[in-house]
Amino acid sequence: MNSDRTQAYGRIVKTLEDLGPAKLLDAEQQRIREAADTLIFAAGPDADVLAAVDDVRALADHLAESGRWTEERAAKLVDDLSACGPLAPVA
């Protein structure tokens, strides 16, 4: 874990505090929390990390497509979530 990951996690928490109650269902908030927790505690990229990112990406797409969130806000959520996780190995 490093400070960049910790800061990204903090942005996720802030998003949930600011937007969660008004713009997200309880189950959606929980999905985002669980994904952020999975990524922040991951030592390296694995199936759980990939599944967590894919799940939140699908949720973000749904939020944008339904008009509940802007595309920019949804993309920021996915970017912040991805930044919580371990860096992918460089090929």
N, C-alpha and C. Protein backbone atom coordinates (compact mmCIF):
# COMPACT_ATOMS: atom_id res chain seq x y z
N MET A 1 0.86 -1.17 0.00
CA MET A 1 0.00 0.00 0.00
C MET A 1 0.90 1.23 0.00
N ASN A 2 0.49 2.25 -0.73
CA ASN A 2 1.25 3.49 -0.75
C ASN A 2 0.28 4.68 -0.63
N SER A 3 0.86 5.87 -0.59
CA SER A 3 0.01 7.05 -0.36
C SER A 3 -0.94 7.32 -1.53
N ASP A 4 -0.53 7.01 -2.76
CA ASP A 4 -1.44 7.22 -3.89
C ASP A 4 -2.68 6.34 -3.76
N ARG A 5 -2.47 5.09 -3.37
CA ARG A 5 -3.60 4.17 -3.19
C ARG A 5 -4.49 4.64 -2.04
N THR A 6 -3.87 5.08 -0.97
CA THR A 6 -4.62 5.56 0.19
C THR A 6 -5.45 6.80 -0.17
N GLN A 7 -4.87 7.70 -0.95
CA GLN A 7 -5.60 8.90 -1.37
C GLN A 7 -6.77 8.53 -2.28
N ALA A 8 -6.56 7.57 -3.17
CA ALA A 8 -7.65 7.13 -4.05
C ALA A 8 -8.78 6.53 -3.23
N TYR A 9 -8.42 5.73 -2.23
CA TYR A 9 -9.42 5.14 -1.34
C TYR A 9 -10.20 6.24 -0.64
N GLY A 10 -9.51 7.27 -0.20
CA GLY A 10 -10.16 8.40 0.45
C GLY A 10 -11.15 9.11 -0.48
N ARG A 11 -10.79 9.20 -1.77
CA ARG A 11 -11.72 9.81 -2.73
C ARG A 11 -12.97 8.96 -2.90
N ILE A 12 -12.82 7.64 -2.87
CA ILE A 12 -13.98 6.75 -2.95
C ILE A 12 -14.88 6.97 -1.74
N VAL A 13 -14.29 6.99 -0.56
CA VAL A 13 -15.06 7.21 0.66
C VAL A 13 -15.78 8.55 0.60
N LYS A 14 -15.10 9.59 0.14
CA LYS A 14 -15.70 10.93 0.04
C LYS A 14 -16.86 10.91 -0.96
N THR A 15 -16.69 10.23 -2.07
CA THR A 15 -17.77 10.12 -3.05
C THR A 15 -18.98 9.45 -2.43
N LEU A 16 -18.76 8.38 -1.69
CA LEU A 16 -19.87 7.68 -1.04
C LEU A 16 -20.56 8.56 0.00
N GLU A 17 -19.78 9.34 0.73
CA GLU A 17 -20.36 10.25 1.72
C GLU A 17 -21.17 11.36 1.06
N ASP A 18 -20.61 11.93 -0.02
CA ASP A 18 -21.23 13.08 -0.67
C ASP A 18 -22.41 12.70 -1.56
N LEU A 19 -22.25 11.65 -2.35
CA LEU A 19 -23.25 11.30 -3.34
C LEU A 19 -24.07 10.07 -2.99
N GLY A 20 -23.49 9.21 -2.18
CA GLY A 20 -24.12 7.93 -1.89
C GLY A 20 -25.57 8.00 -1.48
N PRO A 21 -25.89 8.72 -0.42
CA PRO A 21 -27.28 8.71 0.04
C PRO A 21 -28.28 9.25 -0.98
N ALA A 22 -27.87 10.19 -1.81
CA ALA A 22 -28.80 10.80 -2.76
C ALA A 22 -28.80 10.12 -4.13
N LYS A 23 -27.67 9.56 -4.52
CA LYS A 23 -27.53 9.08 -5.90
C LYS A 23 -27.30 7.58 -6.04
N LEU A 24 -27.16 6.88 -4.92
CA LEU A 24 -26.89 5.44 -4.96
C LEU A 24 -27.81 4.69 -4.03
N LEU A 25 -28.23 3.55 -4.47
CA LEU A 25 -28.97 2.64 -3.59
C LEU A 25 -28.01 2.05 -2.58
N ASP A 26 -28.52 1.57 -1.45
CA ASP A 26 -27.67 0.98 -0.42
C ASP A 26 -26.82 -0.15 -0.99
N ALA A 27 -27.41 -1.01 -1.80
CA ALA A 27 -26.67 -2.14 -2.38
C ALA A 27 -25.55 -1.66 -3.30
N GLU A 28 -25.79 -0.56 -4.00
CA GLU A 28 -24.75 0.00 -4.88
C GLU A 28 -23.60 0.57 -4.07
N GLN A 29 -23.94 1.26 -2.98
CA GLN A 29 -22.90 1.78 -2.11
C GLN A 29 -22.05 0.65 -1.54
N GLN A 30 -22.71 -0.43 -1.15
CA GLN A 30 -22.00 -1.59 -0.59
C GLN A 30 -21.07 -2.22 -1.62
N ARG A 31 -21.53 -2.33 -2.86
CA ARG A 31 -20.68 -2.90 -3.92
C ARG A 31 -19.42 -2.07 -4.10
N ILE A 32 -19.56 -0.76 -4.08
CA ILE A 32 -18.40 0.12 -4.26
C ILE A 32 -17.46 0.00 -3.07
N ARG A 33 -18.01 -0.01 -1.85
CA ARG A 33 -17.18 -0.16 -0.64
C ARG A 33 -16.40 -1.46 -0.67
N GLU A 34 -17.09 -2.55 -0.99
CA GLU A 34 -16.43 -3.86 -1.01
C GLU A 34 -15.34 -3.91 -2.07
N ALA A 35 -15.60 -3.32 -3.21
CA ALA A 35 -14.58 -3.30 -4.27
C ALA A 35 -13.36 -2.48 -3.83
N ALA A 36 -13.60 -1.32 -3.24
CA ALA A 36 -12.50 -0.48 -2.77
C ALA A 36 -11.69 -1.21 -1.70
N ASP A 37 -12.36 -1.89 -0.78
CA ASP A 37 -11.66 -2.65 0.25
C ASP A 37 -10.82 -3.76 -0.37
N THR A 38 -11.38 -4.45 -1.35
CA THR A 38 -10.64 -5.52 -2.03
C THR A 38 -9.37 -4.97 -2.65
N LEU A 39 -9.48 -3.85 -3.34
CA LEU A 39 -8.31 -3.30 -4.02
C LEU A 39 -7.28 -2.72 -3.06
N ILE A 40 -7.73 -2.01 -2.03
CA ILE A 40 -6.76 -1.35 -1.14
C ILE A 40 -5.92 -2.37 -0.38
N PHE A 41 -6.50 -3.55 -0.09
CA PHE A 41 -5.77 -4.56 0.67
C PHE A 41 -5.07 -5.60 -0.20
N ALA A 42 -5.22 -5.50 -1.52
CA ALA A 42 -4.62 -6.47 -2.42
C ALA A 42 -3.12 -6.23 -2.54
N ALA A 43 -2.37 -7.33 -2.52
CA ALA A 43 -0.92 -7.24 -2.68
C ALA A 43 -0.53 -7.18 -4.15
N GLY A 44 -1.35 -7.75 -4.98
CA GLY A 44 -1.05 -7.77 -6.41
C GLY A 44 -2.32 -8.04 -7.18
N PRO A 45 -2.25 -7.84 -8.49
CA PRO A 45 -3.44 -8.10 -9.30
C PRO A 45 -3.80 -9.58 -9.27
N ASP A 46 -5.05 -9.87 -9.00
CA ASP A 46 -5.51 -11.25 -9.01
C ASP A 46 -6.97 -11.26 -9.47
N ALA A 47 -7.58 -12.43 -9.46
CA ALA A 47 -8.95 -12.56 -9.95
C ALA A 47 -9.93 -11.71 -9.16
N ASP A 48 -9.74 -11.60 -7.84
CA ASP A 48 -10.64 -10.79 -7.01
C ASP A 48 -10.55 -9.31 -7.38
N VAL A 49 -9.34 -8.84 -7.63
CA VAL A 49 -9.13 -7.45 -8.01
C VAL A 49 -9.81 -7.17 -9.34
N LEU A 50 -9.58 -8.04 -10.31
CA LEU A 50 -10.19 -7.86 -11.63
C LEU A 50 -11.71 -7.90 -11.56
N ALA A 51 -12.25 -8.82 -10.77
CA ALA A 51 -13.70 -8.93 -10.62
C ALA A 51 -14.28 -7.68 -9.97
N ALA A 52 -13.59 -7.14 -8.96
CA ALA A 52 -14.06 -5.94 -8.27
C ALA A 52 -14.10 -4.75 -9.22
N VAL A 53 -13.06 -4.58 -10.02
CA VAL A 53 -13.02 -3.47 -10.97
C VAL A 53 -14.10 -3.65 -12.04
N ASP A 54 -14.24 -4.87 -12.54
CA ASP A 54 -15.27 -5.13 -13.56
C ASP A 54 -16.67 -4.85 -13.02
N ASP A 55 -16.93 -5.23 -11.76
CA ASP A 55 -18.24 -5.01 -11.17
C ASP A 55 -18.55 -3.51 -11.05
N VAL A 56 -17.59 -2.74 -10.57
CA VAL A 56 -17.83 -1.30 -10.41
C VAL A 56 -17.89 -0.62 -11.77
N ARG A 57 -17.11 -1.11 -12.73
CA ARG A 57 -17.20 -0.55 -14.08
C ARG A 57 -18.61 -0.77 -14.65
N ALA A 58 -19.16 -1.96 -14.44
CA ALA A 58 -20.52 -2.25 -14.91
C ALA A 58 -21.53 -1.36 -14.19
N LEU A 59 -21.36 -1.18 -12.89
CA LEU A 59 -22.24 -0.30 -12.13
C LEU A 59 -22.14 1.14 -12.63
N ALA A 60 -20.92 1.61 -12.86
CA ALA A 60 -20.73 2.98 -13.34
C ALA A 60 -21.38 3.17 -14.71
N ASP A 61 -21.22 2.17 -15.58
CA ASP A 61 -21.88 2.24 -16.89
C ASP A 61 -23.39 2.35 -16.73
N HIS A 62 -23.94 1.55 -15.84
CA HIS A 62 -25.38 1.58 -15.59
C HIS A 62 -25.82 2.95 -15.06
N LEU A 63 -25.05 3.50 -14.13
CA LEU A 63 -25.39 4.81 -13.56
C LEU A 63 -25.39 5.89 -14.63
N ALA A 64 -24.41 5.84 -15.53
CA ALA A 64 -24.33 6.84 -16.59
C ALA A 64 -25.43 6.63 -17.63
N GLU A 65 -25.65 5.38 -18.02
CA GLU A 65 -26.66 5.09 -19.04
C GLU A 65 -28.07 5.44 -18.56
N SER A 66 -28.31 5.28 -17.26
CA SER A 66 -29.63 5.59 -16.73
C SER A 66 -29.83 7.08 -16.47
N GLY A 67 -28.76 7.85 -16.58
CA GLY A 67 -28.84 9.28 -16.34
C GLY A 67 -28.74 9.68 -14.88
N ARG A 68 -28.51 8.72 -14.02
CA ARG A 68 -28.38 9.03 -12.59
C ARG A 68 -27.07 9.74 -12.29
N TRP A 69 -26.03 9.41 -13.06
CA TRP A 69 -24.73 10.06 -12.93
C TRP A 69 -24.31 10.53 -14.32
N THR A 70 -23.44 11.53 -14.37
CA THR A 70 -22.86 11.92 -15.64
C THR A 70 -21.80 10.88 -16.03
N GLU A 71 -21.48 10.84 -17.30
CA GLU A 71 -20.43 9.93 -17.75
C GLU A 71 -19.10 10.28 -17.10
N GLU A 72 -18.84 11.57 -16.91
CA GLU A 72 -17.59 12.01 -16.29
C GLU A 72 -17.50 11.54 -14.84
N ARG A 73 -18.60 11.67 -14.10
CA ARG A 73 -18.61 11.24 -12.70
C ARG A 73 -18.41 9.72 -12.60
N ALA A 74 -19.07 9.00 -13.48
CA ALA A 74 -18.94 7.54 -13.48
C ALA A 74 -17.51 7.11 -13.82
N ALA A 75 -16.91 7.78 -14.81
CA ALA A 75 -15.53 7.46 -15.19
C ALA A 75 -14.57 7.78 -14.05
N LYS A 76 -14.83 8.86 -13.33
CA LYS A 76 -13.98 9.24 -12.18
C LYS A 76 -14.06 8.17 -11.09
N LEU A 77 -15.25 7.63 -10.87
CA LEU A 77 -15.40 6.57 -9.88
C LEU A 77 -14.54 5.37 -10.25
N VAL A 78 -14.59 4.96 -11.50
CA VAL A 78 -13.81 3.81 -11.95
C VAL A 78 -12.32 4.12 -11.86
N ASP A 79 -11.93 5.32 -12.23
CA ASP A 79 -10.51 5.71 -12.14
C ASP A 79 -10.03 5.70 -10.70
N ASP A 80 -10.82 6.26 -9.80
CA ASP A 80 -10.43 6.28 -8.39
C ASP A 80 -10.37 4.86 -7.83
N LEU A 81 -11.33 4.04 -8.19
CA LEU A 81 -11.31 2.67 -7.72
C LEU A 81 -10.07 1.94 -8.22
N SER A 82 -9.78 2.07 -9.49
CA SER A 82 -8.60 1.40 -10.05
C SER A 82 -7.32 1.88 -9.37
N ALA A 83 -7.27 3.16 -9.00
CA ALA A 83 -6.09 3.71 -8.33
C ALA A 83 -5.93 3.18 -6.91
N CYS A 84 -6.96 2.58 -6.34
CA CYS A 84 -6.86 1.98 -5.02
C CYS A 84 -6.05 0.69 -5.03
N GLY A 85 -5.95 0.09 -6.21
CA GLY A 85 -5.37 -1.24 -6.31
C GLY A 85 -3.90 -1.26 -6.62
N PRO A 86 -3.37 -2.47 -6.61
CA PRO A 86 -1.95 -2.66 -6.93
C PRO A 86 -1.71 -2.36 -8.41
N LEU A 87 -0.56 -1.86 -8.70
CA LEU A 87 -0.23 -1.57 -10.09
C LEU A 87 -0.06 -2.86 -10.86
N ALA A 88 -0.52 -2.85 -12.09
CA ALA A 88 -0.35 -4.01 -12.96
C ALA A 88 1.12 -4.13 -13.33
N PRO A 89 1.63 -5.34 -13.49
CA PRO A 89 3.02 -5.50 -13.87
C PRO A 89 3.28 -4.91 -15.25
N VAL A 90 4.43 -4.33 -15.41
CA VAL A 90 4.80 -3.74 -16.70
C VAL A 90 5.37 -4.83 -17.58
N ALA A 91 4.87 -4.93 -18.82
CA ALA A 91 5.33 -5.99 -19.73
C ALA A 91 6.57 -5.54 -20.48
